[in-house]
Amino acid sequence: MPFFGRKFTTSKLPKRKKIPFHSEVRIPENSEEPIKIKLGSLESTFVDGEWKPEPNIELFKENAYLKEVSTHLKEENNLLRMKIEILIDMLTEVTWDFDQRKGVAFYKEGERI
């Protein structure tokens, strides 16, 4: 009398039906054309294992605008650095002047005593 009888064996599942897959666009396998994709206003092609953007007038305009903003911000940053250097020089001069006056005041107080 076996301990493990037929009640522990699993029943065989029926084979699944094959569902034919049909894509909406047929691409020939031996196609020499590169793959192109368009996302919004950006268009790219897949060449030699890399996605390369296509030239676009809107991109050129945006790049020119960003370069202009970048140069403006660099000039503003340089101006602010110059202002900070001038303020540090002024603060150094005032601190030195204050220390000189404080030293003279201590010296005069020492003479009186």
C-alpha atoms as a PDB file:
ATOM      1  CA  MET A   1       0.000   0.000   0.000  1.00  0.00           C
ATOM      2  CA  PRO A   2       1.828   3.139  -1.200  1.00  0.00           C
ATOM      3  CA  PHE A   3       1.692   6.300   0.867  1.00  0.00           C
ATOM      4  CA  PHE A   4       1.721   8.563  -2.157  1.00  0.00           C
ATOM      5  CA  GLY A   5      -0.989   7.531  -4.506  1.00  0.00           C
ATOM      6  CA  ARG A   6      -2.594   9.165  -7.474  1.00  0.00           C
ATOM      7  CA  LYS A   7      -4.239  11.917  -5.468  1.00  0.00           C
ATOM      8  CA  PHE A   8      -0.925  13.857  -5.335  1.00  0.00           C
ATOM      9  CA  THR A   9      -0.174  13.815  -9.047  1.00  0.00           C
ATOM     10  CA  THR A  10      -1.116  16.903 -10.975  1.00  0.00           C
ATOM     11  CA  SER A  11      -3.343  16.732 -13.971  1.00  0.00           C
ATOM     12  CA  LYS A  12      -1.892  17.821 -17.280  1.00  0.00           C
ATOM     13  CA  LEU A  13      -2.862  21.269 -18.455  1.00  0.00           C
ATOM     14  CA  PRO A  14      -4.281  21.662 -21.938  1.00  0.00           C
ATOM     15  CA  LYS A  15      -2.003  23.317 -24.490  1.00  0.00           C
ATOM     16  CA  ARG A  16      -2.540  27.004 -25.074  1.00  0.00           C
ATOM     17  CA  LYS A  17      -3.880  28.171 -28.362  1.00  0.00           C
ATOM     18  CA  LYS A  18      -1.509  30.160 -30.534  1.00  0.00           C
ATOM     19  CA  ILE A  19      -2.629  33.724 -31.005  1.00  0.00           C
ATOM     20  CA  PRO A  20      -1.345  35.233 -34.226  1.00  0.00           C
ATOM     21  CA  PHE A  21       0.389  38.569 -33.674  1.00  0.00           C
ATOM     22  CA  HIS A  22      -0.196  41.156 -36.348  1.00  0.00           C
ATOM     23  CA  SER A  23       1.442  44.540 -36.067  1.00  0.00           C
ATOM     24  CA  GLU A  24      -0.209  47.495 -37.709  1.00  0.00           C
ATOM     25  CA  VAL A  25       2.946  48.442 -39.586  1.00  0.00           C
ATOM     26  CA  ARG A  26       4.877  45.860 -41.522  1.00  0.00           C
ATOM     27  CA  ILE A  27       8.636  46.382 -41.538  1.00  0.00           C
ATOM     28  CA  PRO A  28      10.577  44.233 -43.976  1.00  0.00           C
ATOM     29  CA  GLU A  29      13.388  42.355 -42.286  1.00  0.00           C
ATOM     30  CA  ASN A  30      15.973  43.275 -44.900  1.00  0.00           C
ATOM     31  CA  SER A  31      15.108  46.966 -44.849  1.00  0.00           C
ATOM     32  CA  GLU A  32      18.047  49.305 -45.369  1.00  0.00           C
ATOM     33  CA  GLU A  33      16.153  52.325 -44.016  1.00  0.00           C
ATOM     34  CA  PRO A  34      17.027  53.406 -40.482  1.00  0.00           C
ATOM     35  CA  ILE A  35      14.315  53.328 -37.840  1.00  0.00           C
ATOM     36  CA  LYS A  36      12.781  56.762 -37.200  1.00  0.00           C
ATOM     37  CA  ILE A  37      10.759  57.925 -34.215  1.00  0.00           C
ATOM     38  CA  LYS A  38       8.989  61.206 -33.554  1.00  0.00           C
ATOM     39  CA  LEU A  39       8.266  62.354 -30.002  1.00  0.00           C
ATOM     40  CA  GLY A  40       6.482  65.680 -30.028  1.00  0.00           C
ATOM     41  CA  SER A  41       8.584  68.010 -32.120  1.00  0.00           C
ATOM     42  CA  LEU A  42      11.747  65.896 -31.716  1.00  0.00           C
ATOM     43  CA  GLU A  43      12.593  63.369 -34.413  1.00  0.00           C
ATOM     44  CA  SER A  44      15.372  60.781 -34.056  1.00  0.00           C
ATOM     45  CA  THR A  45      16.817  57.977 -36.146  1.00  0.00           C
ATOM     46  CA  PHE A  46      18.470  54.758 -34.974  1.00  0.00           C
ATOM     47  CA  VAL A  47      21.828  54.462 -36.726  1.00  0.00           C
ATOM     48  CA  ASP A  48      24.706  52.152 -35.756  1.00  0.00           C
ATOM     49  CA  GLY A  49      23.157  51.270 -32.399  1.00  0.00           C
ATOM     50  CA  GLU A  50      22.570  54.895 -31.319  1.00  0.00           C
ATOM     51  CA  TRP A  51      19.640  57.303 -31.462  1.00  0.00           C
ATOM     52  CA  LYS A  52      20.683  60.433 -33.316  1.00  0.00           C
ATOM     53  CA  PRO A  53      18.474  63.542 -33.345  1.00  0.00           C
ATOM     54  CA  GLU A  54      17.386  64.975 -36.662  1.00  0.00           C
ATOM     55  CA  PRO A  55      18.053  68.658 -37.323  1.00  0.00           C
ATOM     56  CA  ASN A  56      15.082  70.744 -36.289  1.00  0.00           C
ATOM     57  CA  ILE A  57      14.533  74.512 -36.593  1.00  0.00           C
ATOM     58  CA  GLU A  58      12.824  74.668 -33.208  1.00  0.00           C
ATOM     59  CA  LEU A  59      15.805  72.994 -31.540  1.00  0.00           C
ATOM     60  CA  PHE A  60      18.217  75.466 -33.137  1.00  0.00           C
ATOM     61  CA  LYS A  61      16.103  78.376 -31.892  1.00  0.00           C
ATOM     62  CA  GLU A  62      15.893  76.920 -28.402  1.00  0.00           C
ATOM     63  CA  ASN A  63      19.652  76.248 -28.306  1.00  0.00           C
ATOM     64  CA  ALA A  64      20.403  79.811 -29.462  1.00  0.00           C
ATOM     65  CA  TYR A  65      18.089  81.205 -26.776  1.00  0.00           C
ATOM     66  CA  LEU A  66      19.678  79.032 -24.072  1.00  0.00           C
ATOM     67  CA  LYS A  67      23.187  80.100 -25.140  1.00  0.00           C
ATOM     68  CA  GLU A  68      22.129  83.749 -24.946  1.00  0.00           C
ATOM     69  CA  VAL A  69      20.664  83.252 -21.464  1.00  0.00           C
ATOM     70  CA  SER A  70      23.810  81.383 -20.409  1.00  0.00           C
ATOM     71  CA  THR A  71      26.141  84.193 -21.528  1.00  0.00           C
ATOM     72  CA  HIS A  72      23.925  86.782 -19.816  1.00  0.00           C
ATOM     73  CA  LEU A  73      24.000  84.805 -16.555  1.00  0.00           C
ATOM     74  CA  LYS A  74      27.795  84.390 -16.776  1.00  0.00           C
ATOM     75  CA  GLU A  75      28.226  88.157 -17.194  1.00  0.00           C
ATOM     76  CA  GLU A  76      25.895  88.829 -14.262  1.00  0.00           C
ATOM     77  CA  ASN A  77      27.794  86.293 -12.145  1.00  0.00           C
ATOM     78  CA  ASN A  78      31.125  87.999 -12.945  1.00  0.00           C
ATOM     79  CA  LEU A  79      29.646  91.394 -12.022  1.00  0.00           C
ATOM     80  CA  LEU A  80      28.423  90.048  -8.682  1.00  0.00           C
ATOM     81  CA  ARG A  81      31.850  88.523  -7.959  1.00  0.00           C
ATOM     82  CA  MET A  82      33.481  91.904  -8.606  1.00  0.00           C
ATOM     83  CA  LYS A  83      30.997  93.589  -6.247  1.00  0.00           C
ATOM     84  CA  ILE A  84      31.755  91.030  -3.540  1.00  0.00           C
ATOM     85  CA  GLU A  85      35.507  91.588  -3.930  1.00  0.00           C
ATOM     86  CA  ILE A  86      35.048  95.368  -3.656  1.00  0.00           C
ATOM     87  CA  LEU A  87      32.882  94.986  -0.536  1.00  0.00           C
ATOM     88  CA  ILE A  88      35.451  92.656   1.060  1.00  0.00           C
ATOM     89  CA  ASP A  89      38.214  95.195   0.339  1.00  0.00           C
ATOM     90  CA  MET A  90      36.109  97.990   1.859  1.00  0.00           C
ATOM     91  CA  LEU A  91      35.355  95.873   4.938  1.00  0.00           C
ATOM     92  CA  THR A  92      39.039  95.030   5.337  1.00  0.00           C
ATOM     93  CA  GLU A  93      39.994  98.702   5.145  1.00  0.00           C
ATOM     94  CA  VAL A  94      37.342  99.744   7.688  1.00  0.00           C
ATOM     95  CA  THR A  95      38.363  96.934  10.049  1.00  0.00           C
ATOM     96  CA  TRP A  96      42.023  97.921   9.793  1.00  0.00           C
ATOM     97  CA  ASP A  97      41.143 101.584  10.413  1.00  0.00           C
ATOM     98  CA  PHE A  98      39.013 100.634  13.429  1.00  0.00           C
ATOM     99  CA  ASP A  99      41.818  98.513  14.886  1.00  0.00           C
ATOM    100  CA  GLN A 100      44.283 101.411  14.423  1.00  0.00           C
ATOM    101  CA  ARG A 101      41.981 103.851  16.231  1.00  0.00           C
ATOM    102  CA  LYS A 102      41.310 101.373  19.011  1.00  0.00           C
ATOM    103  CA  GLY A 103      45.066 100.880  19.501  1.00  0.00           C
ATOM    104  CA  VAL A 104      45.635 104.664  19.659  1.00  0.00           C
ATOM    105  CA  ALA A 105      42.817 105.018  22.214  1.00  0.00           C
ATOM    106  CA  PHE A 106      44.337 102.314  24.439  1.00  0.00           C
ATOM    107  CA  TYR A 107      47.740 103.963  24.159  1.00  0.00           C
ATOM    108  CA  LYS A 108      46.357 107.367  25.196  1.00  0.00           C
ATOM    109  CA  GLU A 109      44.499 105.845  28.138  1.00  0.00           C
ATOM    110  CA  GLY A 110      47.736 104.199  29.249  1.00  0.00           C
ATOM    111  CA  GLU A 111      49.532 107.580  29.233  1.00  0.00           C
ATOM    112  CA  ARG A 112      46.981 109.185  31.497  1.00  0.00           C
ATOM    113  CA  ILE A 113      47.445 106.617  34.205  1.00  0.00           C
END
